[in-house]
Amino acid sequence: MPSFLHLLKNDSPPLAGTVIEQTLRQPGARVTVVLLDGAAASLPGGAAVKRLGPDLDYNGLLDLIFESDHVVTW
């Protein structure tokens, strides 16, 4: 089961949502999206969404990075 981690900044391109949606379609894929400082996004359902700060600290983010098979920064 592949795991994907998408890191979104406040200036991430609209293409990010399309790519996240495509990764969700992969069989057995686990997709996590982390919204970095000030980021807001309209995301497809099915992805675990975390916000840096309230939901996740930097140690937790580092753990997610090392646990993921694919890390995509936007």
C-alpha atoms as a PDB file:
ATOM      1  CA  MET A   1       0.000   0.000   0.000  1.00  0.00           C
ATOM      2  CA  PRO A   2       1.762   3.194  -1.132  1.00  0.00           C
ATOM      3  CA  SER A   3       1.618   6.223   1.118  1.00  0.00           C
ATOM      4  CA  PHE A   4       1.704   9.769  -0.228  1.00  0.00           C
ATOM      5  CA  LEU A   5       2.403  12.940   1.699  1.00  0.00           C
ATOM      6  CA  HIS A   6       1.554  16.268   0.062  1.00  0.00           C
ATOM      7  CA  LEU A   7       2.865  19.442   1.692  1.00  0.00           C
ATOM      8  CA  LEU A   8       0.867  22.498   0.646  1.00  0.00           C
ATOM      9  CA  LYS A   9       2.001  26.112   1.078  1.00  0.00           C
ATOM     10  CA  ASN A  10      -0.249  29.136   0.790  1.00  0.00           C
ATOM     11  CA  ASP A  11       0.903  29.720  -2.815  1.00  0.00           C
ATOM     12  CA  SER A  12       0.528  26.131  -4.055  1.00  0.00           C
ATOM     13  CA  PRO A  13      -0.650  25.885  -7.672  1.00  0.00           C
ATOM     14  CA  PRO A  14      -4.148  24.648  -8.573  1.00  0.00           C
ATOM     15  CA  LEU A  15      -2.495  21.576 -10.089  1.00  0.00           C
ATOM     16  CA  ALA A  16      -1.885  20.293  -6.543  1.00  0.00           C
ATOM     17  CA  GLY A  17      -5.561  19.380  -6.097  1.00  0.00           C
ATOM     18  CA  THR A  18      -5.584  17.467  -9.373  1.00  0.00           C
ATOM     19  CA  VAL A  19      -2.471  15.495  -8.475  1.00  0.00           C
ATOM     20  CA  ILE A  20      -3.794  14.722  -4.984  1.00  0.00           C
ATOM     21  CA  GLU A  21      -7.013  13.435  -6.546  1.00  0.00           C
ATOM     22  CA  GLN A  22      -5.008  11.193  -8.894  1.00  0.00           C
ATOM     23  CA  THR A  23      -3.005   9.719  -6.021  1.00  0.00           C
ATOM     24  CA  LEU A  24      -6.250   8.952  -4.181  1.00  0.00           C
ATOM     25  CA  ARG A  25      -7.340   6.823  -7.158  1.00  0.00           C
ATOM     26  CA  GLN A  26      -4.359   4.495  -6.856  1.00  0.00           C
ATOM     27  CA  PRO A  27      -5.420   1.151  -5.401  1.00  0.00           C
ATOM     28  CA  GLY A  28      -4.710   0.974  -1.681  1.00  0.00           C
ATOM     29  CA  ALA A  29      -3.094   4.410  -1.571  1.00  0.00           C
ATOM     30  CA  ARG A  30      -2.945   6.261   1.729  1.00  0.00           C
ATOM     31  CA  VAL A  31      -2.857  10.024   1.144  1.00  0.00           C
ATOM     32  CA  THR A  32      -2.056  12.653   3.757  1.00  0.00           C
ATOM     33  CA  VAL A  33      -2.095  16.389   3.080  1.00  0.00           C
ATOM     34  CA  VAL A  34      -0.355  18.807   5.440  1.00  0.00           C
ATOM     35  CA  LEU A  35      -1.378  22.445   5.174  1.00  0.00           C
ATOM     36  CA  LEU A  36       1.669  24.522   6.033  1.00  0.00           C
ATOM     37  CA  ASP A  37       1.611  28.040   7.510  1.00  0.00           C
ATOM     38  CA  GLY A  38      -1.329  29.954   6.120  1.00  0.00           C
ATOM     39  CA  ALA A  39      -2.292  27.379   3.498  1.00  0.00           C
ATOM     40  CA  ALA A  40      -5.917  26.793   2.637  1.00  0.00           C
ATOM     41  CA  ALA A  41      -7.088  24.393  -0.014  1.00  0.00           C
ATOM     42  CA  SER A  42     -10.186  22.762  -1.397  1.00  0.00           C
ATOM     43  CA  LEU A  43      -9.237  19.110  -1.340  1.00  0.00           C
ATOM     44  CA  PRO A  44     -10.933  15.970  -2.610  1.00  0.00           C
ATOM     45  CA  GLY A  45     -12.467  13.680  -0.004  1.00  0.00           C
ATOM     46  CA  GLY A  46     -10.516  10.661   1.135  1.00  0.00           C
ATOM     47  CA  ALA A  47      -7.262  12.354   2.076  1.00  0.00           C
ATOM     48  CA  ALA A  48      -6.236  12.802   5.694  1.00  0.00           C
ATOM     49  CA  VAL A  49      -5.750  16.544   6.171  1.00  0.00           C
ATOM     50  CA  LYS A  50      -3.586  18.006   8.920  1.00  0.00           C
ATOM     51  CA  ARG A  51      -2.622  21.595   9.633  1.00  0.00           C
ATOM     52  CA  LEU A  52       0.882  22.393  10.836  1.00  0.00           C
ATOM     53  CA  GLY A  53       0.447  23.933  14.258  1.00  0.00           C
ATOM     54  CA  PRO A  54      -2.975  22.943  15.615  1.00  0.00           C
ATOM     55  CA  ASP A  55      -2.913  19.317  14.421  1.00  0.00           C
ATOM     56  CA  LEU A  56       0.757  18.581  13.909  1.00  0.00           C
ATOM     57  CA  ASP A  57       4.070  19.827  15.288  1.00  0.00           C
ATOM     58  CA  TYR A  58       7.414  19.754  13.480  1.00  0.00           C
ATOM     59  CA  ASN A  59       8.410  16.429  15.069  1.00  0.00           C
ATOM     60  CA  GLY A  60       5.175  14.886  13.832  1.00  0.00           C
ATOM     61  CA  LEU A  61       5.764  16.324  10.366  1.00  0.00           C
ATOM     62  CA  LEU A  62       9.233  14.830  10.280  1.00  0.00           C
ATOM     63  CA  ASP A  63       7.786  11.445  11.278  1.00  0.00           C
ATOM     64  CA  LEU A  64       5.249  11.662   8.435  1.00  0.00           C
ATOM     65  CA  ILE A  65       8.002  12.486   5.949  1.00  0.00           C
ATOM     66  CA  PHE A  66      10.042   9.428   6.899  1.00  0.00           C
ATOM     67  CA  GLU A  67       6.974   7.137   7.036  1.00  0.00           C
ATOM     68  CA  SER A  68       5.762   8.089   3.550  1.00  0.00           C
ATOM     69  CA  ASP A  69       6.747   6.378   0.327  1.00  0.00           C
ATOM     70  CA  HIS A  70       6.277   9.571  -1.703  1.00  0.00           C
ATOM     71  CA  VAL A  71       6.599  13.163  -0.485  1.00  0.00           C
ATOM     72  CA  VAL A  72       5.379  15.943  -2.787  1.00  0.00           C
ATOM     73  CA  THR A  73       5.991  19.572  -1.910  1.00  0.00           C
ATOM     74  CA  TRP A  74       3.925  22.316  -3.486  1.00  0.00           C
END
